[in-house]
Protein backbone atom coordinates (compact mmCIF):
# COMPACT_ATOMS: atom_id res chain seq x y z
CA MET A 1 126.48 116.65 126.22
CA ILE A 2 124.87 113.71 124.40
CA ARG A 3 126.29 113.35 120.90
CA PHE A 4 124.02 111.20 118.77
CA VAL A 5 123.72 109.82 115.23
CA ASP A 6 120.41 109.57 113.37
CA LEU A 7 120.43 106.61 110.96
CA PHE A 8 117.72 105.59 108.47
CA ALA A 9 116.47 108.98 109.58
CA GLY A 10 113.48 109.50 107.29
CA ILE A 11 112.27 113.03 107.94
CA GLY A 12 113.73 113.15 111.45
CA GLY A 13 110.88 112.01 113.68
CA ILE A 14 113.08 109.94 115.99
CA ARG A 15 115.56 112.79 116.30
CA LEU A 16 112.74 115.21 117.09
CA GLY A 17 111.40 112.93 119.83
CA LEU A 18 114.86 112.60 121.38
CA GLU A 19 115.51 116.34 121.27
CA HIS A 20 112.15 117.09 122.91
CA ALA A 21 112.79 114.53 125.67
CA LEU A 22 116.34 115.68 126.44
CA LYS A 23 115.25 119.32 126.43
CA GLU A 24 112.72 118.57 129.18
CA LEU A 25 115.45 116.73 131.12
CA ASN A 26 117.89 119.63 130.62
CA VAL A 27 120.37 117.32 128.92
CA PRO A 28 122.43 119.11 126.24
CA ASN A 29 122.58 117.21 122.98
CA GLU A 30 123.99 117.44 119.49
CA CYS A 31 123.34 115.45 116.33
CA VAL A 32 126.75 114.72 114.82
CA LEU A 33 125.70 112.63 111.80
CA THR A 34 122.54 111.73 109.90
CA SER A 35 121.91 109.20 107.16
CA GLU A 36 118.88 108.85 104.88
CA ILE A 37 119.00 107.49 101.36
CA ASP A 38 115.67 108.87 100.03
CA SER A 39 116.27 112.22 98.32
CA HIS A 40 112.75 113.58 99.02
CA ALA A 41 113.04 112.73 102.72
CA GLN A 42 116.43 114.48 102.69
CA GLU A 43 114.69 117.62 101.42
CA THR A 44 112.20 117.58 104.29
CA TYR A 45 114.97 116.89 106.78
CA ARG A 46 116.89 119.91 105.51
CA LEU A 47 113.81 122.14 105.85
CA ASN A 48 113.54 121.30 109.53
CA PHE A 49 117.07 120.68 110.75
CA GLY A 50 119.13 122.79 108.37
CA GLU A 51 121.27 119.90 107.18
CA ILE A 52 121.18 117.36 104.38
CA PRO A 53 121.64 113.79 105.60
CA HIS A 54 124.30 111.54 104.15
CA GLY A 55 122.87 109.13 101.61
CA ASP A 56 123.68 105.43 101.48
CA ILE A 57 124.87 104.36 104.92
CA TYR A 58 127.36 101.96 103.34
CA LYS A 59 129.17 104.90 101.71
CA ILE A 60 129.86 106.86 104.91
CA ASP A 61 133.62 106.63 105.42
CA HIS A 62 133.95 108.36 108.77
CA PHE A 63 131.76 108.43 111.87
CA PRO A 64 132.53 111.07 114.52
CA GLU A 65 132.55 110.00 118.14
CA PHE A 66 129.00 109.61 119.46
CA ASP A 67 127.20 108.55 122.65
CA PHE A 68 123.83 107.42 121.37
CA LEU A 69 122.51 105.80 118.20
CA LEU A 70 119.03 106.28 116.72
CA ALA A 71 117.77 104.07 113.91
CA GLY A 72 114.36 103.49 112.42
CA PHE A 73 115.87 100.68 110.41
CA PRO A 74 113.82 99.31 107.49
CA CYS A 75 111.71 96.24 108.20
CA GLN A 76 113.80 94.22 105.78
CA PRO A 77 112.90 90.53 106.06
CA PHE A 78 115.54 88.17 107.37
CA SER A 79 114.35 85.42 105.02
CA TYR A 80 117.63 85.21 103.12
CA ALA A 81 119.64 84.79 106.31
CA GLY A 82 117.13 82.28 107.63
CA LYS A 83 116.87 80.13 104.52
CA GLN A 84 120.38 80.31 103.17
CA LYS A 85 122.79 80.65 106.08
CA GLY A 86 120.88 79.74 109.18
CA PHE A 87 118.84 82.21 111.12
CA GLY A 88 121.69 83.22 113.41
CA ASP A 89 123.37 85.09 110.55
CA THR A 90 122.19 88.70 110.04
CA ARG A 91 124.51 89.44 107.13
CA GLY A 92 122.73 90.71 104.06
CA THR A 93 120.23 92.69 106.15
CA LEU A 94 120.32 96.37 107.06
CA PHE A 95 120.25 95.47 110.73
CA PHE A 96 123.74 94.06 110.25
CA GLU A 97 125.02 97.59 109.58
CA ILE A 98 123.59 98.77 112.91
CA GLU A 99 125.16 95.78 114.61
CA ARG A 100 128.51 96.56 112.99
CA LEU A 101 128.44 100.25 113.96
CA LEU A 102 127.50 99.50 117.56
CA SER A 103 130.24 96.92 117.82
CA LEU A 104 132.82 99.28 116.30
CA HIS A 105 131.97 102.54 118.08
CA LYS A 106 130.45 101.26 121.35
CA PRO A 107 128.16 104.24 122.12
CA LYS A 108 126.55 104.29 125.57
CA GLY A 109 123.11 103.46 124.25
CA PHE A 110 120.69 103.22 121.38
CA LEU A 111 117.04 103.28 120.34
CA LEU A 112 115.79 101.21 117.40
CA GLU A 113 112.25 101.36 116.00
CA ASN A 114 110.46 98.90 113.75
CA VAL A 115 107.05 97.56 112.76
CA ARG A 116 104.99 95.33 115.02
CA GLY A 117 105.47 92.43 112.62
CA LEU A 118 109.06 92.15 113.75
CA THR A 119 107.82 90.38 116.89
CA SER A 120 106.09 87.63 114.92
CA HIS A 121 108.33 87.35 111.84
CA ASP A 122 109.53 83.77 111.44
CA ASN A 123 107.68 82.78 114.62
CA GLY A 124 109.57 85.33 116.69
CA ARG A 125 113.04 84.13 115.71
CA THR A 126 113.86 87.38 113.90
CA LEU A 127 113.44 89.52 117.03
CA LYS A 128 115.17 86.87 119.16
CA THR A 129 118.17 86.96 116.80
CA ILE A 130 118.32 90.76 116.88
CA LEU A 131 118.29 90.86 120.67
CA GLU A 132 120.91 88.13 120.94
CA LYS A 133 123.19 89.91 118.49
CA LEU A 134 122.95 93.13 120.48
CA GLU A 135 123.67 91.30 123.73
CA ASN A 136 126.65 89.53 122.18
CA ILE A 137 128.36 92.86 121.45
CA GLY A 138 127.98 94.01 125.02
CA TYR A 139 124.58 95.66 125.34
CA GLY A 140 121.82 95.07 127.83
CA VAL A 141 118.57 95.31 125.89
CA GLN A 142 114.84 95.67 126.38
CA HIS A 143 112.05 95.94 123.85
CA LEU A 144 108.62 97.53 124.12
CA VAL A 145 105.53 97.12 121.96
CA LEU A 146 103.56 100.36 122.21
CA ASN A 147 100.46 101.87 120.64
CA SER A 148 100.67 105.55 119.70
CA SER A 149 97.08 106.08 120.86
CA ASP A 150 98.28 105.63 124.46
CA TYR A 151 100.65 108.59 124.11
CA GLY A 152 98.44 111.47 123.09
CA VAL A 153 98.47 110.62 119.38
CA PRO A 154 95.07 110.11 117.67
CA GLN A 155 96.22 107.05 115.74
CA ASN A 156 96.13 103.29 116.19
CA ARG A 157 99.81 102.61 115.49
CA VAL A 158 101.60 99.69 117.14
CA ARG A 159 105.39 99.63 116.85
CA VAL A 160 108.39 97.91 118.43
CA TYR A 161 111.01 99.96 120.27
CA ILE A 162 114.34 98.37 121.23
CA VAL A 163 116.60 100.16 123.71
CA GLY A 164 120.07 99.20 124.85
CA ILE A 165 122.80 100.35 127.23
CA LEU A 166 126.43 99.31 127.03
CA ASN A 167 127.35 96.78 129.74
CA GLU A 168 124.15 97.47 131.65
CA ALA A 169 120.57 96.24 131.69
CA PRO A 170 118.19 99.14 130.90
CA LYS A 171 115.68 100.06 133.59
CA LEU A 172 112.31 101.26 132.28
CA THR A 173 108.99 102.11 133.86
CA LEU A 174 107.08 101.93 130.57
CA LYS A 175 105.34 98.62 129.87
CA SER A 176 104.37 97.06 126.57
CA SER A 177 100.73 97.56 125.62
CA LEU A 178 98.85 97.00 122.38
CA GLY A 179 96.28 99.63 123.38
CA ALA A 180 92.83 99.63 121.79
CA ALA A 181 92.49 97.13 118.97
CA ASP A 182 90.76 99.61 116.67
CA SER A 183 88.97 102.95 116.54
CA HIS A 184 85.68 101.36 117.64
CA GLN A 185 87.18 99.89 120.79
CA TYR A 186 89.00 103.14 121.51
CA LYS A 187 85.75 105.06 121.19
CA ARG A 188 84.03 102.69 123.61
CA ARG A 189 86.87 103.19 126.08
CA LEU A 190 86.41 106.96 125.84
CA ILE A 191 82.69 106.68 126.45
CA GLU A 192 83.12 104.30 129.38
CA ALA A 193 85.96 106.25 131.01
CA ASP A 194 85.10 108.18 134.13
CA ILE A 195 86.21 111.70 134.95
CA PHE A 196 89.40 110.50 136.65
CA ASN A 197 90.54 108.39 133.70
CA PRO A 198 93.35 110.05 131.67
CA LEU A 199 91.72 108.80 128.47
CA ASN A 200 89.30 111.73 128.83
CA ALA A 201 92.14 114.06 127.85
CA SER A 202 93.26 111.95 124.89
CA PRO A 203 93.00 113.71 121.52
CA VAL A 204 90.80 112.34 118.77
CA VAL A 205 90.79 112.99 115.03
CA GLY A 206 88.41 115.92 115.43
CA ASP A 207 91.02 117.72 117.54
CA ILE A 208 93.64 117.79 114.77
CA LEU A 209 91.50 118.91 111.84
CA GLU A 210 92.25 122.12 109.99
CA PRO A 211 89.19 124.41 110.05
CA ASN A 212 88.88 125.05 106.32
CA PRO A 213 91.50 123.45 104.05
CA VAL A 214 91.73 124.56 100.43
CA SER A 215 89.31 123.03 97.95
CA LYS A 216 91.92 120.80 96.26
CA TYR A 217 91.40 118.30 99.08
CA ASN A 218 87.68 117.98 98.33
CA CYS A 219 86.32 114.77 96.89
CA THR A 220 84.79 115.23 93.45
CA GLU A 221 81.17 116.36 93.36
CA LYS A 222 80.12 113.10 91.65
CA PHE A 223 81.82 110.98 94.30
CA GLN A 224 80.37 113.09 97.13
CA SER A 225 76.81 113.07 95.86
CA ARG A 226 76.77 109.33 95.17
CA LEU A 227 78.39 108.41 98.47
CA ILE A 228 76.11 110.65 100.53
CA ALA A 229 73.01 109.31 98.76
CA LEU A 230 74.12 105.68 99.11
CA THR A 231 75.03 105.87 102.79
CA LYS A 232 71.79 107.70 103.54
CA ASP A 233 69.81 105.03 101.68
CA ARG A 234 71.58 102.25 103.59
CA GLY A 235 71.51 104.03 106.92
CA LEU A 236 75.31 104.14 107.17
CA SER A 237 77.28 106.87 108.91
CA LEU A 238 80.00 108.52 106.86
CA ASN A 239 82.08 108.82 110.05
CA GLY A 240 84.19 105.68 110.10
CA CYS A 241 82.77 104.49 106.77
CA ARG A 242 85.12 102.29 104.77
CA LEU A 243 85.11 101.71 101.02
CA ILE A 244 86.33 98.23 100.23
CA ASP A 245 85.39 95.56 97.71
CA PHE A 246 86.35 92.42 99.62
CA ARG A 247 84.31 93.00 102.78
CA ASN A 248 80.63 93.21 103.52
CA GLY A 249 78.87 94.70 106.55
CA GLN A 250 79.40 98.42 107.17
CA SER A 251 81.22 98.92 103.87
CA VAL A 252 80.62 100.66 100.57
CA HIS A 253 81.65 98.97 97.34
CA SER A 254 82.82 100.26 93.99
CA TRP A 255 79.92 98.65 92.12
CA GLU A 256 77.43 100.45 94.37
CA LEU A 257 79.06 103.77 93.48
CA GLY A 258 79.44 102.90 89.80
CA ILE A 259 83.14 103.74 89.83
CA LYS A 260 84.00 101.49 86.88
CA GLY A 261 80.60 101.79 85.25
CA GLU A 262 76.96 101.92 86.27
CA CYS A 263 75.51 98.70 87.65
CA THR A 264 71.90 97.55 87.66
CA LYS A 265 70.11 96.64 90.88
CA ASP A 266 70.50 92.96 89.99
CA GLU A 267 74.24 93.34 89.37
CA ILE A 268 74.70 95.15 92.69
CA ALA A 269 72.66 92.49 94.46
CA PHE A 270 74.81 89.76 92.87
CA MET A 271 78.10 91.35 93.97
CA ASN A 272 76.86 92.05 97.49
CA ALA A 273 75.65 88.47 97.83
CA LEU A 274 78.98 87.13 96.57
CA VAL A 275 80.98 89.21 99.03
CA ALA A 276 78.67 88.26 101.89
CA ASN A 277 78.79 84.51 101.24
CA ARG A 278 82.16 83.59 99.76
CA ARG A 279 83.88 83.26 103.15
CA LYS A 280 81.40 80.73 104.51
CA LYS A 281 82.92 77.43 105.63
CA ILE A 282 80.39 75.52 103.57
CA PHE A 283 82.48 76.44 100.52
CA GLY A 284 85.70 75.17 102.07
CA ILE A 285 88.36 76.40 104.49
CA HIS A 286 91.29 76.38 102.08
CA GLN A 287 91.43 80.17 101.75
CA ASP A 288 89.87 83.39 103.01
CA GLY A 289 87.54 84.90 100.43
CA LYS A 290 87.20 81.90 98.15
CA SER A 291 86.54 81.95 94.42
CA LEU A 292 83.21 80.25 93.80
CA SER A 293 81.68 78.32 90.92
CA LEU A 294 78.37 79.18 89.29
CA GLU A 295 76.82 76.18 91.02
CA GLN A 296 77.97 77.41 94.43
CA ILE A 297 76.83 80.99 93.78
CA SER A 298 73.42 79.73 92.71
CA THR A 299 72.84 78.36 96.22
CA PHE A 300 72.60 81.89 97.66
CA TYR A 301 71.76 84.09 94.64
CA LYS A 302 68.63 83.18 92.71
CA ASN A 303 68.09 84.94 89.38
CA SER A 304 67.16 83.46 86.02
CA ASN A 305 69.50 85.96 84.30
CA ILE A 306 72.52 85.04 86.45
CA LYS A 307 74.75 84.18 83.48
CA LYS A 308 74.03 87.52 81.79
CA ILE A 309 74.62 89.36 85.07
CA ILE A 310 77.99 87.64 85.45
CA GLU A 311 78.92 88.43 81.86
CA ASN A 312 78.14 92.13 82.34
CA LEU A 313 80.08 92.34 85.60
CA ILE A 314 83.12 90.75 83.98
CA LYS A 315 82.96 93.28 81.13
CA LYS A 316 82.80 96.14 83.65
CA LYS A 317 85.73 94.56 85.54
CA TYR A 318 83.93 94.22 88.84
CA LEU A 319 84.18 90.43 88.56
CA ARG A 320 86.83 88.08 87.27
CA GLU A 321 86.62 84.46 86.16
CA ARG A 322 89.41 81.92 86.32
CA ASP A 323 88.91 78.25 85.53
CA GLY A 324 85.17 78.57 86.02
CA LEU A 325 85.50 80.24 89.42
CA PHE A 326 84.42 83.80 90.18
CA ASN A 327 85.76 86.45 92.56
CA PRO A 328 85.42 90.24 92.92
CA VAL A 329 88.12 92.43 91.37
CA SER A 330 89.57 94.70 94.02
CA GLY A 331 88.77 98.32 93.25
CA ASN A 332 90.09 99.69 96.53
CA MET A 333 92.76 101.93 95.03
CA SER A 334 90.26 103.36 92.55
CA PHE A 335 88.33 105.01 95.39
CA GLU A 336 89.11 108.68 95.96
CA VAL A 337 88.98 107.87 99.67
CA PHE A 338 89.01 104.33 101.05
CA LYS A 339 88.28 105.23 104.68
CA PHE A 340 86.50 108.17 106.31
CA LEU A 341 87.92 108.72 109.77
CA ASP A 342 85.64 109.06 112.76
CA PRO A 343 86.26 112.53 114.25
CA ASP A 344 85.28 111.18 117.69
CA SER A 345 87.90 108.45 117.70
CA ILE A 346 91.43 107.71 116.48
CA SER A 347 92.75 107.19 112.97
CA ILE A 348 93.72 103.86 111.50
CA THR A 349 97.47 103.39 111.02
CA LEU A 350 99.00 105.80 108.52
CA VAL A 351 100.98 103.93 105.87
CA THR A 352 103.07 105.13 102.96
CA SER A 353 100.90 103.68 100.21
CA ASP A 354 97.52 105.17 101.10
CA ALA A 355 97.83 108.01 103.63
CA HIS A 356 96.61 110.28 100.84
CA LYS A 357 93.34 108.33 100.60
CA LEU A 358 92.10 108.84 104.14
CA GLY A 359 89.13 111.17 104.35
CA ILE A 360 86.96 113.12 106.75
CA PHE A 361 83.33 114.30 106.69
CA GLN A 362 83.56 117.84 108.05
CA ASP A 363 80.85 120.50 108.04
CA GLY A 364 78.95 118.73 105.28
CA ARG A 365 82.10 118.46 103.19
CA LEU A 366 83.76 115.20 102.08
CA ARG A 367 87.49 115.63 101.64
CA ARG A 368 90.85 113.96 102.02
CA ILE A 369 92.88 114.73 105.12
CA THR A 370 95.70 117.19 104.49
CA PRO A 371 99.46 116.68 104.93
CA ARG A 372 99.31 118.93 108.00
CA GLU A 373 96.63 116.71 109.50
CA CYS A 374 98.80 113.65 108.75
CA ALA A 375 101.63 115.38 110.60
CA ARG A 376 99.37 116.01 113.59
CA ILE A 377 98.15 112.39 113.54
CA GLN A 378 101.80 111.43 113.95
CA GLY A 379 102.31 113.97 116.74
CA TYR A 380 104.50 116.41 114.81
CA PRO A 381 104.28 120.03 116.01
CA ASP A 382 102.86 122.58 113.60
CA VAL A 383 106.25 124.30 113.32
CA PHE A 384 107.48 121.19 111.50
CA GLN A 385 107.55 121.86 107.76
CA HIS A 386 106.24 119.08 105.55
CA HIS A 387 107.47 118.50 102.00
CA PRO A 388 106.00 121.12 99.61
CA ILE A 389 104.78 118.37 97.26
CA ASP A 390 101.78 116.68 98.83
CA LEU A 391 102.53 113.22 97.39
CA HIS A 392 105.90 113.11 99.12
CA ALA A 393 104.50 114.56 102.34
CA TYR A 394 101.81 111.87 102.60
CA ARG A 395 104.32 109.09 101.96
CA GLN A 396 106.81 110.47 104.44
CA PHE A 397 104.34 110.78 107.29
CA GLY A 398 103.00 107.31 106.52
CA ASN A 399 106.54 105.96 106.85
CA SER A 400 107.45 108.01 109.91
CA VAL A 401 107.25 107.55 113.68
CA SER A 402 104.91 109.03 116.25
CA VAL A 403 107.07 111.72 117.82
CA PRO A 404 105.46 111.67 121.31
CA VAL A 405 106.08 107.93 121.64
CA ILE A 406 109.78 108.38 120.86
CA LYS A 407 109.87 111.22 123.38
CA ALA A 408 108.25 109.05 126.07
CA VAL A 409 110.63 106.13 125.51
CA ILE A 410 113.76 108.32 125.48
CA LYS A 411 112.65 110.28 128.54
CA ASP A 412 111.92 107.10 130.47
CA LEU A 413 115.26 105.61 129.45
CA PHE A 414 117.33 108.63 130.46
CA GLU A 415 115.43 109.28 133.69
CA ASN A 416 115.97 105.74 134.93
CA ASN A 417 119.50 105.13 133.66
CA LYS A 418 121.81 107.93 134.83
CA SER A 419 124.86 106.23 133.33
CA LEU A 420 123.74 107.49 129.91
CA THR A 421 124.62 111.06 130.88
CA VAL A 422 127.99 110.23 132.49
CA LYS A 423 130.88 111.50 130.39
CA LYS A 424 132.94 108.84 128.67
CA THR A 425 136.13 110.34 130.08
CA ALA A 426 134.76 110.07 133.62
CA THR A 427 133.77 106.48 133.00
CA LYS A 428 137.23 105.65 131.68
CA ARG A 429 138.87 107.35 134.71
CA LYS A 430 136.69 105.30 137.08
CA LEU A 431 137.67 102.08 135.34
CA GLU A 432 141.35 103.03 135.54
CA VAL A 433 141.06 103.66 139.29
CA GLN A 434 139.34 100.32 139.77
CA SER A 435 142.07 98.62 137.74
CA ASN A 436 144.86 100.25 139.78
CA THR A 437 143.14 99.33 143.05
CA CYS A 438 142.88 95.72 141.97
CA ALA A 439 146.57 95.73 141.01
CA LEU A 440 147.53 96.94 144.53
C-alpha cells in the first residue's frame, strides 16, 4: 500500500495521474492528506475525490505517515533568497516547505512539477539549488523536461518534473524532450510521419471537440461576421488564426475589426505599417517593438494627412504617444477570442489568464472552447467534473497538469524502482539484520 500526500493540489491532476498509473501496476494506494489553499479549487477537488483539502499548508499541524509526496508547487521566484541571503538559501519560498516536510517525514519518494522556466530562472541556479537541497536531505533525484504533446495530449505544454527516492538514485527510461516547438511544427511532423510512426495515433484538437456545445460559447454575431469577412479578404485561414496587436504577418488586429471604434483605410494602413516596421534594426536594437518618432514613421508610411491620422488613432486608443514617440496600444484582452486553434494540430499552452479566450472554427461556427474541451486538452477523463462556474473551470484547467504525463512519469518511476513498493517495516528489518551482522 502506497500512502501519499497531495500538496499544492489544485484540482487533483497530479493525484489522478498517480492513481491511474498505480492502478495499471496493481499497486494499492491511498491519499492520506491533501492541501490546496484556493477555495474554488477545493470545491472541484471535493466534487471528484469526495474530500475537501486542507487550506494553508503552514497551518497543518499533523501529517499522517506517508510513503510518497506529490507537489505541484507554485513557481514562486527565488529572487528574495538570491538577492538578500545568497542563492543557497530557500527560506521564504514555498519550496522550503516541501524541503522541510521531506526532511522531517522521509517518505520513500516524491514527484514535483513546475513550469519550464524553472530550468532557466537565474541562469539555472534556481533548479540547481532545488536539486542540491533535495540531495542534501538524503534523496537521489532526477528531473525531466517533457512536452504534453508527446504523451497523447493535444497541447504544446512543456513542464519540469522532479522525482526523488530516499537514499537511492532513481532509474528512469523516459528522456527529456521539448517536443514540437509549436502547432505548425507538430502539424508538419504529422504530415511527414509514415504509417509506422506513433505520431499517426496522436490526438489533435479536432479529436477533443464537443459536437454541438450550447450557444453561450458562440462569438457575437458582429465579431463573427467581421472576422470572417476580414480573413476572407486577406486570404487568411481561421484555423490557427491569432488576434494580436503587437505582431504582423498571419495576424488580425483590433483596428482592422473596429473593436474600439471604426477605422478608415488610411488609419488601418498606418497601424499595419507601424506594426510591420517598428522592430527593424534600423530604428535601434535597444528594445523589441520600439516606440517610433513621427520622423521615423514617415520613412515607411507616406501620407500627407499623417498627423490627423495619428490624432484620430490616439483618440480611439489604438495608438499612444509618450515624449513624441508612438506605439500601438495592446488590445489583446479586448478580443472575444485571441487565438483560433487548428483542429488538425495541437493547442497552444493553456494558461490561467486566457484559457477562456481560445476559440475554434467548427461547422461554420466561431466559438470559444468549452471547459470540457479544456479538460480534454489537459488529458482529464470525461468522468472528471469541472467547476460548475465556467470562469473558475477555465482558470483551474489553465493552472493544472496534463494527467497522462503525470501517469507516464509515475509509472516509469515505479516500474524501474521496486524499492518504492517495499514496506517500510521490511526495510527497517533488513537494516536491523545488516546492523546485527556487522556487529558480529
